[in-house]
Amino acid sequence: MFVFNLVGIWPSVTALYIDPTATSILLTSISGIVIAVGATAVVLWRKAKKKAAEVLHFDENANKEVEEDIVIKDDAED
């Protein structure tokens, strides 16, 4: 191992120390990137799904029942 340290190929023990703050920043950055990629994938998937439904003339709300709006009126105000 001493030979590798002289040449600079094998890292020394002190070079392997990672500061806790740097680790926290690294994990936060990686988490942010993963979340951003996931959100982008969901948005693109929904756009592609909507476009495919338009091209194939598929209506996902065709067999759903729609309830009418309930309007509550206070007779005391009239």
PDB file of N, CA and C in Angstrom:
ATOM      1  N   MET A   1       0.816  -1.186   0.000  1.00  0.00           N
ATOM      2  CA  MET A   1       0.000   0.000   0.000  1.00  0.00           C
ATOM      3  C   MET A   1       0.859   1.248   0.000  1.00  0.00           C
ATOM      4  N   PHE A   2       2.019   1.167   0.626  1.00  0.00           N
ATOM      5  CA  PHE A   2       2.929   2.301   0.667  1.00  0.00           C
ATOM      6  C   PHE A   2       3.399   2.685  -0.723  1.00  0.00           C
ATOM      7  N   VAL A   3       3.603   1.711  -1.579  1.00  0.00           N
ATOM      8  CA  VAL A   3       4.039   1.982  -2.948  1.00  0.00           C
ATOM      9  C   VAL A   3       2.957   2.744  -3.705  1.00  0.00           C
ATOM     10  N   PHE A   4       1.700   2.351  -3.510  1.00  0.00           N
ATOM     11  CA  PHE A   4       0.609   3.038  -4.189  1.00  0.00           C
ATOM     12  C   PHE A   4       0.461   4.482  -3.699  1.00  0.00           C
ATOM     13  N   ASN A   5       0.729   4.713  -2.400  1.00  0.00           N
ATOM     14  CA  ASN A   5       0.645   6.070  -1.876  1.00  0.00           C
ATOM     15  C   ASN A   5       1.726   6.958  -2.478  1.00  0.00           C
ATOM     16  N   LEU A   6       2.875   6.408  -2.717  1.00  0.00           N
ATOM     17  CA  LEU A   6       3.950   7.211  -3.314  1.00  0.00           C
ATOM     18  C   LEU A   6       3.600   7.616  -4.745  1.00  0.00           C
ATOM     19  N   VAL A   7       2.983   6.724  -5.470  1.00  0.00           N
ATOM     20  CA  VAL A   7       2.642   6.992  -6.854  1.00  0.00           C
ATOM     21  C   VAL A   7       1.375   7.843  -6.945  1.00  0.00           C
ATOM     22  N   GLY A   8       0.520   7.754  -5.940  1.00  0.00           N
ATOM     23  CA  GLY A   8      -0.711   8.530  -5.941  1.00  0.00           C
ATOM     24  C   GLY A   8      -1.894   7.762  -6.493  1.00  0.00           C
ATOM     25  N   ILE A   9      -1.736   6.455  -6.698  1.00  0.00           N
ATOM     26  CA  ILE A   9      -2.825   5.645  -7.240  1.00  0.00           C
ATOM     27  C   ILE A   9      -3.821   5.292  -6.142  1.00  0.00           C
ATOM     28  N   TRP A  10      -3.330   4.870  -4.988  1.00  0.00           N
ATOM     29  CA  TRP A  10      -4.201   4.468  -3.886  1.00  0.00           C
ATOM     30  C   TRP A  10      -4.430   5.670  -2.979  1.00  0.00           C
ATOM     31  N   PRO A  11      -5.675   6.031  -2.700  1.00  0.00           N
ATOM     32  CA  PRO A  11      -5.914   7.206  -1.853  1.00  0.00           C
ATOM     33  C   PRO A  11      -5.502   6.947  -0.413  1.00  0.00           C
ATOM     34  N   SER A  12      -5.012   7.964   0.231  1.00  0.00           N
ATOM     35  CA  SER A  12      -4.624   7.803   1.630  1.00  0.00           C
ATOM     36  C   SER A  12      -5.867   7.789   2.507  1.00  0.00           C
ATOM     37  N   VAL A  13      -5.699   7.424   3.753  1.00  0.00           N
ATOM     38  CA  VAL A  13      -6.823   7.307   4.667  1.00  0.00           C
ATOM     39  C   VAL A  13      -7.456   8.671   4.918  1.00  0.00           C
ATOM     40  N   THR A  14      -6.663   9.724   4.980  1.00  0.00           N
ATOM     41  CA  THR A  14      -7.210  11.050   5.246  1.00  0.00           C
ATOM     42  C   THR A  14      -8.019  11.577   4.061  1.00  0.00           C
ATOM     43  N   ALA A  15      -7.771  11.085   2.868  1.00  0.00           N
ATOM     44  CA  ALA A  15      -8.517  11.537   1.695  1.00  0.00           C
ATOM     45  C   ALA A  15      -9.899  10.901   1.628  1.00  0.00           C
ATOM     46  N   LEU A  16     -10.145   9.862   2.433  1.00  0.00           N
ATOM     47  CA  LEU A  16     -11.424   9.179   2.400  1.00  0.00           C
ATOM     48  C   LEU A  16     -12.459   9.808   3.331  1.00  0.00           C
ATOM     49  N   TYR A  17     -12.096  10.828   4.079  1.00  0.00           N
ATOM     50  CA  TYR A  17     -13.026  11.485   4.999  1.00  0.00           C
ATOM     51  C   TYR A  17     -14.027  12.323   4.216  1.00  0.00           C
ATOM     52  N   ILE A  18     -15.317  12.143   4.519  1.00  0.00           N
ATOM     53  CA  ILE A  18     -16.361  12.938   3.891  1.00  0.00           C
ATOM     54  C   ILE A  18     -17.054  13.735   4.989  1.00  0.00           C
ATOM     55  N   ASP A  19     -17.096  15.023   4.822  1.00  0.00           N
ATOM     56  CA  ASP A  19     -17.709  15.908   5.796  1.00  0.00           C
ATOM     57  C   ASP A  19     -19.212  15.636   5.874  1.00  0.00           C
ATOM     58  N   PRO A  20     -19.809  15.618   7.066  1.00  0.00           N
ATOM     59  CA  PRO A  20     -21.250  15.380   7.189  1.00  0.00           C
ATOM     60  C   PRO A  20     -22.092  16.418   6.437  1.00  0.00           C
ATOM     61  N   THR A  21     -21.645  17.650   6.400  1.00  0.00           N
ATOM     62  CA  THR A  21     -22.377  18.679   5.661  1.00  0.00           C
ATOM     63  C   THR A  21     -22.372  18.380   4.169  1.00  0.00           C
ATOM     64  N   ALA A  22     -21.240  17.951   3.661  1.00  0.00           N
ATOM     65  CA  ALA A  22     -21.149  17.608   2.244  1.00  0.00           C
ATOM     66  C   ALA A  22     -22.030  16.406   1.924  1.00  0.00           C
ATOM     67  N   THR A  23     -22.087  15.455   2.834  1.00  0.00           N
ATOM     68  CA  THR A  23     -22.942  14.288   2.642  1.00  0.00           C
ATOM     69  C   THR A  23     -24.409  14.691   2.621  1.00  0.00           C
ATOM     70  N   SER A  24     -24.787  15.583   3.523  1.00  0.00           N
ATOM     71  CA  SER A  24     -26.162  16.061   3.573  1.00  0.00           C
ATOM     72  C   SER A  24     -26.540  16.785   2.284  1.00  0.00           C
ATOM     73  N   ILE A  25     -25.660  17.642   1.811  1.00  0.00           N
ATOM     74  CA  ILE A  25     -25.912  18.371   0.561  1.00  0.00           C
ATOM     75  C   ILE A  25     -25.996  17.404  -0.610  1.00  0.00           C
ATOM     76  N   LEU A  26     -25.120  16.406  -0.627  1.00  0.00           N
ATOM     77  CA  LEU A  26     -25.123  15.415  -1.699  1.00  0.00           C
ATOM     78  C   LEU A  26     -26.430  14.615  -1.707  1.00  0.00           C
ATOM     79  N   LEU A  27     -26.866  14.154  -0.539  1.00  0.00           N
ATOM     80  CA  LEU A  27     -28.110  13.384  -0.463  1.00  0.00           C
ATOM     81  C   LEU A  27     -29.323  14.240  -0.824  1.00  0.00           C
ATOM     82  N   THR A  28     -29.326  15.502  -0.392  1.00  0.00           N
ATOM     83  CA  THR A  28     -30.420  16.402  -0.740  1.00  0.00           C
ATOM     84  C   THR A  28     -30.461  16.650  -2.241  1.00  0.00           C
ATOM     85  N   SER A  29     -29.308  16.833  -2.845  1.00  0.00           N
ATOM     86  CA  SER A  29     -29.245  17.058  -4.290  1.00  0.00           C
ATOM     87  C   SER A  29     -29.722  15.828  -5.065  1.00  0.00           C
ATOM     88  N   ILE A  30     -29.275  14.664  -4.653  1.00  0.00           N
ATOM     89  CA  ILE A  30     -29.692  13.434  -5.327  1.00  0.00           C
ATOM     90  C   ILE A  30     -31.194  13.223  -5.171  1.00  0.00           C
ATOM     91  N   SER A  31     -31.727  13.477  -3.973  1.00  0.00           N
ATOM     92  CA  SER A  31     -33.171  13.342  -3.747  1.00  0.00           C
ATOM     93  C   SER A  31     -33.952  14.306  -4.624  1.00  0.00           C
ATOM     94  N   GLY A  32     -33.485  15.543  -4.724  1.00  0.00           N
ATOM     95  CA  GLY A  32     -34.152  16.535  -5.564  1.00  0.00           C
ATOM     96  C   GLY A  32     -34.157  16.142  -7.026  1.00  0.00           C
ATOM     97  N   ILE A  33     -33.040  15.607  -7.481  1.00  0.00           N
ATOM     98  CA  ILE A  33     -32.950  15.180  -8.881  1.00  0.00           C
ATOM     99  C   ILE A  33     -33.899  14.019  -9.145  1.00  0.00           C
ATOM    100  N   VAL A  34     -33.941  13.055  -8.229  1.00  0.00           N
ATOM    101  CA  VAL A  34     -34.828  11.896  -8.396  1.00  0.00           C
ATOM    102  C   VAL A  34     -36.290  12.343  -8.409  1.00  0.00           C
ATOM    103  N   ILE A  35     -36.658  13.258  -7.516  1.00  0.00           N
ATOM    104  CA  ILE A  35     -38.035  13.746  -7.459  1.00  0.00           C
ATOM    105  C   ILE A  35     -38.378  14.524  -8.723  1.00  0.00           C
ATOM    106  N   ALA A  36     -37.459  15.361  -9.200  1.00  0.00           N
ATOM    107  CA  ALA A  36     -37.715  16.142 -10.413  1.00  0.00           C
ATOM    108  C   ALA A  36     -37.872  15.239 -11.635  1.00  0.00           C
ATOM    109  N   VAL A  37     -37.030  14.224 -11.748  1.00  0.00           N
ATOM    110  CA  VAL A  37     -37.137  13.284 -12.867  1.00  0.00           C
ATOM    111  C   VAL A  37     -38.452  12.509 -12.787  1.00  0.00           C
ATOM    112  N   GLY A  38     -38.840  12.103 -11.585  1.00  0.00           N
ATOM    113  CA  GLY A  38     -40.088  11.389 -11.410  1.00  0.00           C
ATOM    114  C   GLY A  38     -41.295  12.245 -11.761  1.00  0.00           C
ATOM    115  N   ALA A  39     -41.282  13.503 -11.323  1.00  0.00           N
ATOM    116  CA  ALA A  39     -42.396  14.404 -11.630  1.00  0.00           C
ATOM    117  C   ALA A  39     -42.479  14.674 -13.127  1.00  0.00           C
ATOM    118  N   THR A  40     -41.334  14.847 -13.759  1.00  0.00           N
ATOM    119  CA  THR A  40     -41.311  15.059 -15.211  1.00  0.00           C
ATOM    120  C   THR A  40     -41.845  13.834 -15.944  1.00  0.00           C
ATOM    121  N   ALA A  41     -41.463  12.656 -15.482  1.00  0.00           N
ATOM    122  CA  ALA A  41     -41.948  11.425 -16.118  1.00  0.00           C
ATOM    123  C   ALA A  41     -43.462  11.298 -15.982  1.00  0.00           C
ATOM    124  N   VAL A  42     -44.012  11.660 -14.825  1.00  0.00           N
ATOM    125  CA  VAL A  42     -45.461  11.585 -14.627  1.00  0.00           C
ATOM    126  C   VAL A  42     -46.179  12.566 -15.548  1.00  0.00           C
ATOM    127  N   VAL A  43     -45.666  13.786 -15.645  1.00  0.00           N
ATOM    128  CA  VAL A  43     -46.289  14.788 -16.511  1.00  0.00           C
ATOM    129  C   VAL A  43     -46.239  14.343 -17.969  1.00  0.00           C
ATOM    130  N   LEU A  44     -45.092  13.840 -18.408  1.00  0.00           N
ATOM    131  CA  LEU A  44     -44.972  13.380 -19.792  1.00  0.00           C
ATOM    132  C   LEU A  44     -45.867  12.165 -20.055  1.00  0.00           C
ATOM    133  N   TRP A  45     -45.988  11.265 -19.079  1.00  0.00           N
ATOM    134  CA  TRP A  45     -46.850  10.099 -19.229  1.00  0.00           C
ATOM    135  C   TRP A  45     -48.299  10.525 -19.387  1.00  0.00           C
ATOM    136  N   ARG A  46     -48.740  11.479 -18.565  1.00  0.00           N
ATOM    137  CA  ARG A  46     -50.132  11.935 -18.656  1.00  0.00           C
ATOM    138  C   ARG A  46     -50.396  12.632 -19.987  1.00  0.00           C
ATOM    139  N   LYS A  47     -49.432  13.418 -20.465  1.00  0.00           N
ATOM    140  CA  LYS A  47     -49.599  14.074 -21.766  1.00  0.00           C
ATOM    141  C   LYS A  47     -49.678  13.043 -22.887  1.00  0.00           C
ATOM    142  N   ALA A  48     -48.817  12.043 -22.846  1.00  0.00           N
ATOM    143  CA  ALA A  48     -48.818  11.001 -23.869  1.00  0.00           C
ATOM    144  C   ALA A  48     -50.111  10.192 -23.815  1.00  0.00           C
ATOM    145  N   LYS A  49     -50.578   9.903 -22.608  1.00  0.00           N
ATOM    146  CA  LYS A  49     -51.821   9.151 -22.446  1.00  0.00           C
ATOM    147  C   LYS A  49     -53.014   9.945 -22.983  1.00  0.00           C
ATOM    148  N   LYS A  50     -53.023  11.249 -22.720  1.00  0.00           N
ATOM    149  CA  LYS A  50     -54.106  12.098 -23.216  1.00  0.00           C
ATOM    150  C   LYS A  50     -54.066  12.187 -24.741  1.00  0.00           C
ATOM    151  N   LYS A  51     -52.870  12.322 -25.299  1.00  0.00           N
ATOM    152  CA  LYS A  51     -52.718  12.404 -26.756  1.00  0.00           C
ATOM    153  C   LYS A  51     -53.149  11.097 -27.418  1.00  0.00           C
ATOM    154  N   ALA A  52     -52.767   9.966 -26.812  1.00  0.00           N
ATOM    155  CA  ALA A  52     -53.155   8.669 -27.365  1.00  0.00           C
ATOM    156  C   ALA A  52     -54.670   8.484 -27.298  1.00  0.00           C
ATOM    157  N   ALA A  53     -55.297   8.970 -26.228  1.00  0.00           N
ATOM    158  CA  ALA A  53     -56.756   8.870 -26.108  1.00  0.00           C
ATOM    159  C   ALA A  53     -57.441   9.708 -27.175  1.00  0.00           C
ATOM    160  N   GLU A  54     -56.880  10.866 -27.500  1.00  0.00           N
ATOM    161  CA  GLU A  54     -57.454  11.701 -28.557  1.00  0.00           C
ATOM    162  C   GLU A  54     -57.307  11.047 -29.924  1.00  0.00           C
ATOM    163  N   VAL A  55     -56.144  10.471 -30.188  1.00  0.00           N
ATOM    164  CA  VAL A  55     -55.898   9.842 -31.485  1.00  0.00           C
ATOM    165  C   VAL A  55     -56.765   8.601 -31.666  1.00  0.00           C
ATOM    166  N   LEU A  56     -56.937   7.825 -30.602  1.00  0.00           N
ATOM    167  CA  LEU A  56     -57.708   6.587 -30.679  1.00  0.00           C
ATOM    168  C   LEU A  56     -59.197   6.806 -30.426  1.00  0.00           C
ATOM    169  N   HIS A  57     -59.590   8.050 -30.196  1.00  0.00           N
ATOM    170  CA  HIS A  57     -60.992   8.403 -29.925  1.00  0.00           C
ATOM    171  C   HIS A  57     -61.540   7.618 -28.741  1.00  0.00           C
ATOM    172  N   PHE A  58     -60.793   7.633 -27.669  1.00  0.00           N
ATOM    173  CA  PHE A  58     -61.160   6.916 -26.462  1.00  0.00           C
ATOM    174  C   PHE A  58     -61.533   7.929 -25.390  1.00  0.00           C
ATOM    175  N   ASP A  59     -62.749   7.793 -24.844  1.00  0.00           N
ATOM    176  CA  ASP A  59     -63.213   8.692 -23.794  1.00  0.00           C
ATOM    177  C   ASP A  59     -63.289   7.908 -22.492  1.00  0.00           C
ATOM    178  N   GLU A  60     -62.426   8.239 -21.537  1.00  0.00           N
ATOM    179  CA  GLU A  60     -62.409   7.499 -20.286  1.00  0.00           C
ATOM    180  C   GLU A  60     -63.599   7.830 -19.387  1.00  0.00           C
ATOM    181  N   ASN A  61     -64.312   8.902 -19.669  1.00  0.00           N
ATOM    182  CA  ASN A  61     -65.478   9.278 -18.876  1.00  0.00           C
ATOM    183  C   ASN A  61     -66.794   8.853 -19.520  1.00  0.00           C
ATOM    184  N   ALA A  62     -66.752   8.002 -20.511  1.00  0.00           N
ATOM    185  CA  ALA A  62     -67.947   7.639 -21.267  1.00  0.00           C
ATOM    186  C   ALA A  62     -68.975   6.894 -20.412  1.00  0.00           C
ATOM    187  N   ASN A  63     -68.564   5.987 -19.567  1.00  0.00           N
ATOM    188  CA  ASN A  63     -69.512   5.172 -18.802  1.00  0.00           C
ATOM    189  C   ASN A  63     -69.654   5.615 -17.353  1.00  0.00           C
ATOM    190  N   LYS A  64     -69.161   6.789 -17.023  1.00  0.00           N
ATOM    191  CA  LYS A  64     -69.249   7.266 -15.644  1.00  0.00           C
ATOM    192  C   LYS A  64     -70.530   8.059 -15.439  1.00  0.00           C
ATOM    193  N   GLU A  65     -71.114   7.903 -14.254  1.00  0.00           N
ATOM    194  CA  GLU A  65     -72.295   8.675 -13.907  1.00  0.00           C
ATOM    195  C   GLU A  65     -71.861  10.004 -13.312  1.00  0.00           C
ATOM    196  N   VAL A  66     -72.554  11.054 -13.704  1.00  0.00           N
ATOM    197  CA  VAL A  66     -72.236  12.376 -13.197  1.00  0.00           C
ATOM    198  C   VAL A  66     -73.389  12.829 -12.323  1.00  0.00           C
ATOM    199  N   GLU A  67     -73.073  13.189 -11.088  1.00  0.00           N
ATOM    200  CA  GLU A  67     -74.102  13.662 -10.178  1.00  0.00           C
ATOM    201  C   GLU A  67     -74.354  15.143 -10.435  1.00  0.00           C
ATOM    202  N   GLU A  68     -75.585  15.533 -10.219  1.00  0.00           N
ATOM    203  CA  GLU A  68     -75.885  16.937 -10.426  1.00  0.00           C
ATOM    204  C   GLU A  68     -75.416  17.724  -9.209  1.00  0.00           C
ATOM    205  N   ASP A  69     -75.157  19.013  -9.429  1.00  0.00           N
ATOM    206  CA  ASP A  69     -74.671  19.873  -8.363  1.00  0.00           C
ATOM    207  C   ASP A  69     -75.767  20.121  -7.335  1.00  0.00           C
ATOM    208  N   ILE A  70     -75.381  20.130  -6.082  1.00  0.00           N
ATOM    209  CA  ILE A  70     -76.312  20.416  -5.001  1.00  0.00           C
ATOM    210  C   ILE A  70     -76.136  21.879  -4.612  1.00  0.00           C
ATOM    211  N   VAL A  71     -77.231  22.622  -4.674  1.00  0.00           N
ATOM    212  CA  VAL A  71     -77.195  24.032  -4.307  1.00  0.00           C
ATOM    213  C   VAL A  71     -78.008  24.193  -3.035  1.00  0.00           C
ATOM    214  N   ILE A  72     -77.358  24.661  -1.986  1.00  0.00           N
ATOM    215  CA  ILE A  72     -78.048  24.880  -0.723  1.00  0.00           C
ATOM    216  C   ILE A  72     -78.406  26.356  -0.636  1.00  0.00           C
ATOM    217  N   LYS A  73     -79.678  26.600  -0.464  1.00  0.00           N
ATOM    218  CA  LYS A  73     -80.163  27.964  -0.453  1.00  0.00           C
ATOM    219  C   LYS A  73     -80.713  28.272   0.930  1.00  0.00           C
ATOM    220  N   ASP A  74     -80.341  29.396   1.475  1.00  0.00           N
ATOM    221  CA  ASP A  74     -80.849  29.789   2.787  1.00  0.00           C
ATOM    222  C   ASP A  74     -82.074  30.669   2.586  1.00  0.00           C
ATOM    223  N   ASP A  75     -83.234  30.184   3.009  1.00  0.00           N
ATOM    224  CA  ASP A  75     -84.484  30.917   2.817  1.00  0.00           C
ATOM    225  C   ASP A  75     -84.585  32.153   3.701  1.00  0.00           C
ATOM    226  N   ALA A  76     -83.826  32.204   4.770  1.00  0.00           N
ATOM    227  CA  ALA A  76     -83.895  33.332   5.694  1.00  0.00           C
ATOM    228  C   ALA A  76     -83.346  34.612   5.054  1.00  0.00           C
ATOM    229  N   GLU A  77     -82.424  34.484   4.125  1.00  0.00           N
ATOM    230  CA  GLU A  77     -81.835  35.669   3.496  1.00  0.00           C
ATOM    231  C   GLU A  77     -82.764  36.283   2.465  1.00  0.00           C
ATOM    232  N   ASP A  78     -83.681  35.546   1.902  1.00  0.00           N
ATOM    233  CA  ASP A  78     -84.562  36.065   0.843  1.00  0.00           C
ATOM    234  C   ASP A  78     -85.559  37.011   1.349  1.00  0.00           C
TER     235      ASP A  78
END
